[in-house]
Structure formats: C-alpha cells, structure tokens
Amino acid sequence: MKYATRVNSFLRDKISVLEAVKRIASVDGVDYVDLNYPEHFKEYTPQQVKAEMDKQGLKLNAINMRFRDIYLNGEFGNADIEISRKAVALCKEAAKVCKEMDGAQIIVWLGFDGFDYSFQMDYVKAWNQAIQCFKEICDDTDLPISIEYKPYEERVHAMIDSFGTTMAMVSAVDKKNLGVTLDFCHMLMKSENPAFAAALLLEDDKLFNVHLNDGEGRTDDGLMVGSVNLWKSLEFMYYLKKYDFQGAIYFDTFPKRESAVEECAANIAMCRKLEELVDKIGVEEMGRVISQNSAVEVQKMFLKLL
C-alpha cells in the first residue's frame, strides 16, 4: 500500500508548510502528501512547494478543496449564483495547480452546502446547481474529480451527506472522471459500514481515494487507524487488497496531543498489521467465510486472528 498524510497535523506546531513537508519525509513509509487549496499556498507558490517535496522525495497525491469565508452559506449550491461560480473557478484553478505539481486528483468536500434550519434551503435548486458545477469542472480537466461526503459539520445537515446521495450525484453528473473519496470517520458518523461502500465503489472502479482514520461515530474524531473499530478497519483493508486498490491511503487523523511524526508512524504500523492479518487468513479464505453468511464462522476467524 502507498501512504499519504495530512499536512495540518504537522502545522499545529506553528511551522511553515515547507517545514511540515520536511517532517513528513522523516516518517518511514510515507511517499505522498495531500495539500489543501488554497490554504497551503498562501505563503508559497506551487513551484516552491513542489521543489521542497521533490527535495524530500515526496509526491503529491491529491489537492483537497478548502472553501472558507464567502462560502459560509454554501459552495456549489449557494443561493448567490456568483459565489457558486467562484467555487467552480477555484476548483478549476486547483486542477491546474494539481497538474503542474504532478498530482493525481482533486477532492471536493462541500462542507457548507447544506442547511441548519427547515425552510432554509431550496433543495432541488441547490442540487441541480451542484450537478452543473461538477459537470463543468469534470469537462475542464482530465484529472479525476472525487467527491468526499460527510453527514454534518460544517452544517447541521450536509446536502451530500451519505454514500447514497453521493452516488446519486455521481450518477446525475455522469462523467467518467467523477468518483468518490471515502472517509472512514465520516461513514461512522452516518452509521454506515465503511467496507460496504468500499466494496461497491471498487467493483465499479469509482473509489478514487481513501481517508483512513477512526472514531466513536458521533463526531469527526480523527483518531488513529484501527484504534476503535478494529474489525471494521480489517474488513475495509480486505476489500482494498481484494480489488488491488492502487491509490494512496491518506491518514486524515488529528494528533492534537501526540507527536505528529509518531502518530503517523503508528498509522502506518497499524495498516501494515491489518495487511498482515488479511494475508494470514488469505483473501480467498476470507471470501469463503463471507460466502457462508454465518456470524459464527466470522467469529471463528476473529479468534484465529487473535
């Protein structure tokens, strides 16, 4: 597996983006970095950031869109069409930067497209607006564009809040280069089983990116991989290996009290252990257990792994 990590986990030490890149490079096993646009390009140009990444032997995995300030009331679905247009322009701009830096894709999380109160949003208008925005962005670049969904936070209710609504959007846009980023914590917040969505997306070649983390399921905890939901994490890894997922696993975790370097290393160690456990039983044998549709057979497998 290939691994990427979160720059902001390192920026909490009040260092620059370039210094964060250096620290990330010190973690054995990390070969990729995700950057936020335009957040991580306020002090440095894309060329300066790429030069430091090249120096440290790191590659760009993806650029994550970060909408702030004027987008408080919505991005693509904003009732003010001029703000919606600016959100599209920002994505097109980010796609050009991503290509300049040899990145793999753009990830779009519409954190402000949603509502807090009844009667606050014209649902159909906002939905159709978002469809047209995604179509325009997909037509403007050959880069993969990936939707990251989250049920709530920043809004009480997100417009694209689940695996189901995300797939409805992907279907409505109907562009080959539009797919999905799965965030483990976001799926727990929606009471989804992460492996279910992963399996269906991998089967259709629509899983473009993975944000791996863990949490208790109520908020976006960003805890270390496998620290709470070990078996769910193992099942998720099983499907990544079964379908030979070629993307990078991005650690969207929040080391607020831990050393960012040590926390990232712990995530890699856990992912390698999960891979090892899948290999111990074998993808084929795990598939046989699944085909039994028997909770007792699953429990036997767990006991064998323990």
Protein backbone atom coordinates (compact mmCIF):
# COMPACT_ATOMS: atom_id res chain seq x y z
CA MET A 1 0.00 0.00 0.00
CA LYS A 2 1.02 3.61 -0.60
CA TYR A 3 0.57 6.15 2.18
CA ALA A 4 -0.09 9.89 2.30
CA THR A 5 -0.61 12.08 5.32
CA ARG A 6 -2.23 15.29 6.49
CA VAL A 7 -0.07 18.42 6.42
CA ASN A 8 -2.24 20.18 9.03
CA SER A 9 -1.32 17.51 11.59
CA PHE A 10 2.22 18.86 11.42
CA LEU A 11 1.29 22.55 11.10
CA ARG A 12 -0.13 22.55 14.63
CA ASP A 13 3.46 23.08 15.82
CA LYS A 14 3.30 26.55 14.21
CA ILE A 15 5.74 25.69 11.46
CA SER A 16 5.62 26.51 7.75
CA VAL A 17 4.24 24.25 5.03
CA LEU A 18 7.79 23.64 3.78
CA GLU A 19 8.98 22.63 7.25
CA ALA A 20 5.94 20.35 7.56
CA VAL A 21 6.95 18.65 4.31
CA LYS A 22 10.42 18.01 5.77
CA ARG A 23 8.95 16.43 8.89
CA ILE A 24 6.57 14.27 6.88
CA ALA A 25 9.51 12.99 4.85
CA SER A 26 11.13 11.77 8.09
CA VAL A 27 8.33 9.21 8.58
CA ASP A 28 9.38 5.89 7.10
CA GLY A 29 6.74 4.64 4.67
CA VAL A 30 5.17 7.95 3.65
CA ASP A 31 5.76 8.72 0.00
CA TYR A 32 2.82 11.04 -0.72
CA VAL A 33 1.32 14.25 0.62
CA ASP A 34 -2.14 15.77 0.23
CA LEU A 35 -2.37 19.55 0.07
CA ASN A 36 -5.31 21.89 0.68
CA TYR A 37 -6.19 24.55 -1.86
CA PRO A 38 -5.85 27.47 -1.50
CA GLU A 39 -4.97 27.07 2.20
CA HIS A 40 -1.47 25.67 1.76
CA PHE A 41 -0.43 28.10 -0.97
CA LYS A 42 -0.77 31.38 0.91
CA GLU A 43 2.93 31.74 1.74
CA TYR A 44 4.49 29.73 -1.06
CA THR A 45 3.87 29.19 -4.76
CA PRO A 46 3.08 25.72 -6.12
CA GLN A 47 6.56 25.68 -7.64
CA GLN A 48 8.18 26.33 -4.25
CA VAL A 49 6.13 23.65 -2.52
CA LYS A 50 6.84 21.12 -5.28
CA ALA A 51 10.56 21.91 -5.18
CA GLU A 52 10.66 21.09 -1.46
CA MET A 53 8.60 17.93 -1.99
CA ASP A 54 10.97 16.82 -4.76
CA LYS A 55 13.93 17.52 -2.49
CA GLN A 56 12.38 15.36 0.25
CA GLY A 57 11.36 12.57 -2.13
CA LEU A 58 7.61 13.11 -1.73
CA LYS A 59 4.90 13.13 -4.39
CA LEU A 60 1.55 14.90 -4.46
CA ASN A 61 -1.35 12.52 -4.02
CA ALA A 62 -4.29 14.93 -4.20
CA ILE A 63 -5.37 18.51 -3.70
CA ASN A 64 -8.27 18.86 -1.28
CA MET A 65 -10.53 21.85 -1.85
CA ARG A 66 -10.99 24.10 1.18
CA PHE A 67 -13.76 26.66 0.90
CA ARG A 68 -13.81 29.42 3.52
CA ASP A 69 -15.05 32.99 4.12
CA ILE A 70 -17.53 33.87 1.37
CA TYR A 71 -18.66 30.22 1.13
CA LEU A 72 -20.18 30.16 4.64
CA ASN A 73 -23.70 29.80 3.15
CA GLY A 74 -22.74 27.24 0.55
CA GLU A 75 -20.33 26.46 -2.28
CA PHE A 76 -21.83 24.93 -5.44
CA GLY A 77 -25.39 25.19 -4.14
CA ASN A 78 -25.11 28.75 -2.81
CA ALA A 79 -28.25 30.82 -3.39
CA ASP A 80 -25.93 33.58 -4.66
CA ILE A 81 -25.01 32.28 -8.11
CA GLU A 82 -21.89 34.48 -8.24
CA ILE A 83 -20.46 32.68 -5.21
CA SER A 84 -21.29 29.34 -6.83
CA ARG A 85 -19.40 30.46 -9.93
CA LYS A 86 -16.40 31.44 -7.78
CA ALA A 87 -16.39 27.98 -6.19
CA VAL A 88 -16.25 26.37 -9.64
CA ALA A 89 -13.46 28.73 -10.71
CA LEU A 90 -11.49 27.85 -7.58
CA CYS A 91 -11.76 24.13 -8.41
CA LYS A 92 -10.60 24.72 -11.99
CA GLU A 93 -7.68 26.73 -10.65
CA ALA A 94 -6.79 23.96 -8.21
CA ALA A 95 -6.90 21.37 -11.01
CA LYS A 96 -4.32 23.36 -12.98
CA VAL A 97 -2.09 23.60 -9.91
CA CYS A 98 -2.50 19.87 -9.30
CA LYS A 99 -1.35 19.06 -12.84
CA GLU A 100 1.61 21.43 -12.52
CA MET A 101 2.65 19.55 -9.38
CA ASP A 102 2.08 16.10 -10.97
CA GLY A 103 -0.77 15.33 -8.56
CA ALA A 104 -3.28 12.55 -9.10
CA GLN A 105 -6.68 14.17 -8.43
CA ILE A 106 -8.89 16.84 -6.89
CA ILE A 107 -11.03 16.06 -3.85
CA VAL A 108 -14.14 18.18 -3.34
CA TRP A 109 -15.81 18.33 0.07
CA LEU A 110 -18.78 20.70 0.05
CA GLY A 111 -18.79 21.36 3.79
CA PHE A 112 -21.06 24.41 3.60
CA ASP A 113 -23.56 23.11 1.04
CA GLY A 114 -26.40 22.16 3.33
CA PHE A 115 -28.79 23.65 5.87
CA ASP A 116 -29.25 24.20 9.60
CA TYR A 117 -32.98 25.01 9.70
CA SER A 118 -36.12 23.87 7.95
CA PHE A 119 -37.16 26.14 5.04
CA GLN A 120 -33.57 27.45 4.79
CA MET A 121 -32.61 25.76 1.51
CA ASP A 122 -34.19 25.28 -1.89
CA TYR A 123 -33.19 21.62 -2.12
CA VAL A 124 -33.92 21.00 -5.79
CA LYS A 125 -32.33 24.24 -6.96
CA ALA A 126 -29.17 23.66 -4.91
CA TRP A 127 -28.92 20.02 -6.02
CA ASN A 128 -29.28 20.87 -9.71
CA GLN A 129 -26.79 23.70 -9.34
CA ALA A 130 -24.25 21.29 -7.86
CA ILE A 131 -24.79 18.84 -10.73
CA GLN A 132 -23.97 21.53 -13.27
CA CYS A 133 -20.94 22.65 -11.28
CA PHE A 134 -19.48 19.15 -11.17
CA LYS A 135 -20.16 18.68 -14.88
CA GLU A 136 -18.35 21.90 -15.72
CA ILE A 137 -15.32 21.02 -13.59
CA CYS A 138 -15.10 17.49 -14.99
CA ASP A 139 -15.26 18.82 -18.53
CA ASP A 140 -12.50 21.34 -17.81
CA THR A 141 -9.84 18.78 -16.83
CA ASP A 142 -8.83 15.19 -17.45
CA LEU A 143 -7.90 14.82 -13.79
CA PRO A 144 -10.10 12.61 -11.63
CA ILE A 145 -12.52 14.67 -9.52
CA SER A 146 -13.54 12.99 -6.29
CA ILE A 147 -16.49 13.78 -4.01
CA GLU A 148 -15.84 13.46 -0.29
CA TYR A 149 -19.07 13.27 1.69
CA LYS A 150 -19.79 14.00 5.34
CA PRO A 151 -23.20 13.92 7.08
CA TYR A 152 -22.75 17.10 9.14
CA GLU A 153 -20.12 19.60 10.27
CA GLU A 154 -19.88 22.35 8.94
CA ARG A 155 -23.70 22.41 8.60
CA VAL A 156 -26.26 20.63 10.78
CA HIS A 157 -27.30 18.76 7.61
CA ALA A 158 -24.99 18.39 4.61
CA MET A 159 -26.52 18.26 1.14
CA ILE A 160 -24.18 15.43 0.08
CA ASP A 161 -24.32 13.54 3.34
CA SER A 162 -24.03 9.81 2.63
CA PHE A 163 -22.92 7.07 0.30
CA GLY A 164 -26.39 7.06 -1.23
CA THR A 165 -26.64 10.78 -2.01
CA THR A 166 -23.04 10.79 -3.24
CA MET A 167 -23.81 8.02 -5.71
CA ALA A 168 -26.96 9.86 -6.77
CA MET A 169 -24.77 12.88 -7.56
CA VAL A 170 -22.18 10.77 -9.41
CA SER A 171 -24.98 9.19 -11.45
CA ALA A 172 -26.61 12.55 -12.23
CA VAL A 173 -23.33 14.13 -13.33
CA ASP A 174 -22.45 11.04 -15.38
CA LYS A 175 -18.80 11.85 -16.07
CA LYS A 176 -16.08 9.20 -16.30
CA ASN A 177 -13.64 11.28 -14.24
CA LEU A 178 -16.04 11.80 -11.30
CA GLY A 179 -15.71 9.38 -8.41
CA VAL A 180 -15.72 9.15 -4.63
CA THR A 181 -13.37 9.64 -1.70
CA LEU A 182 -14.34 7.56 1.32
CA ASP A 183 -13.52 8.95 4.75
CA PHE A 184 -13.75 6.21 7.40
CA CYS A 185 -14.81 8.59 10.19
CA HIS A 186 -17.44 10.30 8.05
CA MET A 187 -19.03 6.93 7.30
CA LEU A 188 -19.10 6.05 11.01
CA MET A 189 -20.84 9.37 11.68
CA LYS A 190 -23.54 8.33 9.20
CA SER A 191 -23.81 4.85 10.80
CA GLU A 192 -22.53 3.28 7.59
CA ASN A 193 -20.29 0.23 7.38
CA PRO A 194 -17.17 1.52 5.57
CA ALA A 195 -16.46 -1.80 3.85
CA PHE A 196 -19.91 -1.87 2.23
CA ALA A 197 -19.31 1.40 0.37
CA ALA A 198 -15.72 0.43 -0.45
CA ALA A 199 -16.76 -2.89 -1.99
CA LEU A 200 -19.41 -1.35 -4.25
CA LEU A 201 -17.14 1.50 -5.37
CA LEU A 202 -14.17 -0.78 -6.03
CA GLU A 203 -16.38 -3.10 -8.06
CA ASP A 204 -17.37 -0.15 -10.29
CA ASP A 205 -13.88 1.43 -10.33
CA LYS A 206 -15.25 4.55 -8.64
CA LEU A 207 -13.21 4.57 -5.44
CA PHE A 208 -10.74 7.32 -6.24
CA ASN A 209 -9.33 8.00 -2.78
CA VAL A 210 -9.34 6.75 0.82
CA HIS A 211 -9.15 8.84 4.00
CA LEU A 212 -8.35 6.40 6.78
CA ASN A 213 -8.83 7.20 10.47
CA ASP A 214 -11.12 6.07 13.29
CA GLY A 215 -13.62 7.44 15.79
CA GLU A 216 -16.53 6.78 18.10
CA GLY A 217 -19.05 7.69 15.40
CA ARG A 218 -20.64 10.85 16.75
CA THR A 219 -18.14 13.44 15.50
CA ASP A 220 -15.16 13.58 13.17
CA ASP A 221 -12.73 12.33 15.82
CA GLY A 222 -9.78 11.67 13.51
CA LEU A 223 -8.32 9.02 15.82
CA MET A 224 -5.52 6.67 14.83
CA VAL A 225 -6.32 3.89 12.36
CA GLY A 226 -7.82 0.79 13.98
CA SER A 227 -7.83 2.29 17.47
CA VAL A 228 -11.61 1.93 17.99
CA ASN A 229 -13.17 -0.13 15.19
CA LEU A 230 -10.52 -2.78 14.59
CA TRP A 231 -12.69 -5.35 12.81
CA LYS A 232 -14.35 -2.74 10.60
CA SER A 233 -10.86 -1.48 9.70
CA LEU A 234 -9.77 -5.03 8.90
CA GLU A 235 -12.80 -5.60 6.65
CA PHE A 236 -12.08 -2.31 4.88
CA MET A 237 -8.46 -3.41 4.28
CA TYR A 238 -9.67 -6.78 2.99
CA TYR A 239 -11.59 -5.10 0.17
CA LEU A 240 -8.70 -2.79 -0.68
CA LYS A 241 -6.48 -5.84 -1.08
CA LYS A 242 -9.11 -7.96 -2.83
CA TYR A 243 -9.54 -5.33 -5.55
CA ASP A 244 -5.84 -4.35 -5.57
CA PHE A 245 -6.52 -0.69 -4.79
CA GLN A 246 -3.73 1.34 -6.39
CA GLY A 247 -4.39 4.73 -4.78
CA ALA A 248 -2.67 6.11 -1.71
CA ILE A 249 -4.18 5.69 1.74
CA TYR A 250 -4.37 9.17 3.25
CA PHE A 251 -4.26 9.46 7.04
CA ASP A 252 -6.90 12.05 7.91
CA THR A 253 -6.12 11.90 11.62
CA PHE A 254 -5.79 14.67 14.20
CA PRO A 255 -2.84 14.28 16.60
CA LYS A 256 -3.72 17.11 18.99
CA ARG A 257 -1.67 15.84 21.91
CA GLU A 258 0.54 13.29 20.18
CA SER A 259 3.70 13.85 18.17
CA ALA A 260 2.59 14.13 14.55
CA VAL A 261 5.60 12.11 13.40
CA GLU A 262 4.98 9.32 15.92
CA GLU A 263 1.23 9.30 15.27
CA CYS A 264 1.75 8.97 11.51
CA ALA A 265 4.23 6.14 12.07
CA ALA A 266 1.65 4.40 14.28
CA ASN A 267 -0.94 4.66 11.49
CA ILE A 268 1.43 3.03 9.02
CA ALA A 269 2.28 0.29 11.52
CA MET A 270 -1.41 -0.47 12.03
CA CYS A 271 -2.13 -0.55 8.28
CA ARG A 272 0.75 -2.96 7.78
CA LYS A 273 -0.57 -5.11 10.61
CA LEU A 274 -4.05 -5.13 9.03
CA GLU A 275 -2.50 -6.20 5.73
CA GLU A 276 -0.59 -8.91 7.57
CA LEU A 277 -3.81 -10.19 9.16
CA VAL A 278 -5.56 -10.33 5.79
CA ASP A 279 -2.59 -12.24 4.38
CA LYS A 280 -2.59 -14.59 7.37
CA ILE A 281 -6.09 -15.82 6.56
CA GLY A 282 -5.83 -15.08 2.85
CA VAL A 283 -8.15 -13.11 0.58
CA GLU A 284 -9.61 -16.31 -0.85
CA GLU A 285 -10.32 -17.81 2.59
CA MET A 286 -11.84 -14.56 3.85
CA GLY A 287 -14.07 -14.63 0.79
CA ARG A 288 -15.12 -18.16 1.69
CA VAL A 289 -16.01 -17.05 5.22
CA ILE A 290 -18.07 -14.17 3.81
CA SER A 291 -19.89 -16.54 1.46
CA GLN A 292 -21.03 -18.64 4.46
CA ASN A 293 -23.18 -15.73 5.69
CA SER A 294 -22.52 -17.02 9.19
CA ALA A 295 -21.68 -14.83 12.18
CA VAL A 296 -20.26 -17.91 13.95
CA GLU A 297 -17.82 -18.57 11.11
CA VAL A 298 -16.77 -14.92 11.23
CA GLN A 299 -16.21 -15.18 14.99
CA LYS A 300 -14.07 -18.29 14.46
CA MET A 301 -11.94 -16.31 12.02
CA PHE A 302 -11.57 -13.48 14.55
CA LEU A 303 -10.48 -15.95 17.22
CA LYS A 304 -7.93 -17.43 14.86
CA LEU A 305 -6.54 -13.95 14.20
CA LEU A 306 -6.37 -13.20 17.92
